[in-house]
Amino acid sequence: MSEWKPIESAPMDGSDIDLWCNHRRITDCYWKPSANEGAGWYRHVGNHEYTGMPIEEKVIGAIHWMPIPEPPLDK
């Protein structure tokens, strides 16, 4: 299993990662270099009811990250 790493070493290329923030794990986050709310860590929380456009939430206070774990193997 992967170890938590300092947020300063997190990939900022749009890759999905898990973040540790406010004493909890936030899954499937990504760095967004520019947005209406400013550059930062975001996560997808759904799609707009009428337009189908993604709805994102900015993640504040991330201090550690880790790669998303591999899924279990189906047998």
Protein backbone atom coordinates (compact mmCIF):
# COMPACT_ATOMS: atom_id res chain seq x y z
CA MET A 1 0.00 0.00 0.00
CA SER A 2 1.16 3.54 -0.71
CA GLU A 3 2.33 5.91 1.96
CA TRP A 4 1.07 9.45 2.45
CA LYS A 5 3.44 12.05 0.97
CA PRO A 6 3.81 15.81 1.60
CA ILE A 7 1.43 17.88 -0.54
CA GLU A 8 4.40 19.79 -2.01
CA SER A 9 5.38 16.64 -3.92
CA ALA A 10 1.90 16.00 -5.40
CA PRO A 11 1.55 15.83 -9.20
CA MET A 12 0.06 19.01 -10.63
CA ASP A 13 -0.67 17.59 -14.08
CA GLY A 14 -4.37 16.81 -13.59
CA SER A 15 -3.76 13.24 -12.39
CA ASP A 16 -6.34 11.84 -9.96
CA ILE A 17 -4.96 11.39 -6.44
CA ASP A 18 -6.29 11.08 -2.90
CA LEU A 19 -5.76 13.96 -0.47
CA TRP A 20 -5.58 14.12 3.33
CA CYS A 21 -7.35 17.22 4.57
CA ASN A 22 -9.08 18.19 7.83
CA HIS A 23 -8.44 14.77 9.40
CA ARG A 24 -10.02 12.82 6.53
CA ARG A 25 -9.27 11.28 3.19
CA ILE A 26 -10.76 12.96 0.13
CA THR A 27 -10.69 10.69 -2.91
CA ASP A 28 -10.27 11.35 -6.62
CA CYS A 29 -8.88 14.88 -6.45
CA TYR A 30 -6.86 16.72 -9.10
CA TRP A 31 -4.93 19.96 -9.51
CA LYS A 32 -6.57 22.59 -11.69
CA PRO A 33 -4.17 25.38 -12.70
CA SER A 34 -6.82 27.99 -13.36
CA ALA A 35 -10.52 28.25 -12.63
CA ASN A 36 -13.12 30.81 -11.65
CA GLU A 37 -12.25 30.11 -8.01
CA GLY A 38 -8.50 30.14 -8.71
CA ALA A 39 -5.86 27.45 -9.06
CA GLY A 40 -5.99 24.63 -6.55
CA TRP A 41 -7.12 21.13 -5.67
CA TYR A 42 -10.60 20.12 -6.84
CA ARG A 43 -12.85 17.09 -6.91
CA HIS A 44 -15.79 16.22 -9.12
CA VAL A 45 -19.03 16.10 -7.10
CA GLY A 46 -21.63 15.57 -9.82
CA ASN A 47 -23.11 16.99 -13.00
CA HIS A 48 -25.40 19.95 -13.49
CA GLU A 49 -29.02 18.82 -13.75
CA TYR A 50 -29.79 20.71 -16.98
CA THR A 51 -26.48 21.19 -18.79
CA GLY A 52 -24.72 17.99 -17.77
CA MET A 53 -21.58 20.04 -17.12
CA PRO A 54 -19.38 18.80 -14.28
CA ILE A 55 -19.77 20.34 -10.84
CA GLU A 56 -16.51 20.70 -8.96
CA GLU A 57 -15.70 21.45 -5.35
CA LYS A 58 -12.48 23.15 -4.32
CA VAL A 59 -10.54 21.23 -1.66
CA ILE A 60 -9.00 23.51 0.97
CA GLY A 61 -6.29 22.60 3.45
CA ALA A 62 -4.73 19.51 1.86
CA ILE A 63 -1.52 18.55 3.66
CA HIS A 64 -0.71 15.08 2.24
CA TRP A 65 -1.45 13.01 -0.86
CA MET A 66 -1.16 9.46 -2.14
CA PRO A 67 -1.76 7.74 -5.48
CA ILE A 68 -5.17 6.16 -5.89
CA PRO A 69 -4.82 2.50 -4.86
CA GLU A 70 -5.16 -0.23 -7.43
CA PRO A 71 -8.60 -1.90 -7.46
CA PRO A 72 -8.90 -5.50 -6.26
CA LEU A 73 -8.42 -8.20 -8.87
CA ASP A 74 -11.59 -9.92 -10.06
CA LYS A 75 -11.38 -13.71 -10.11
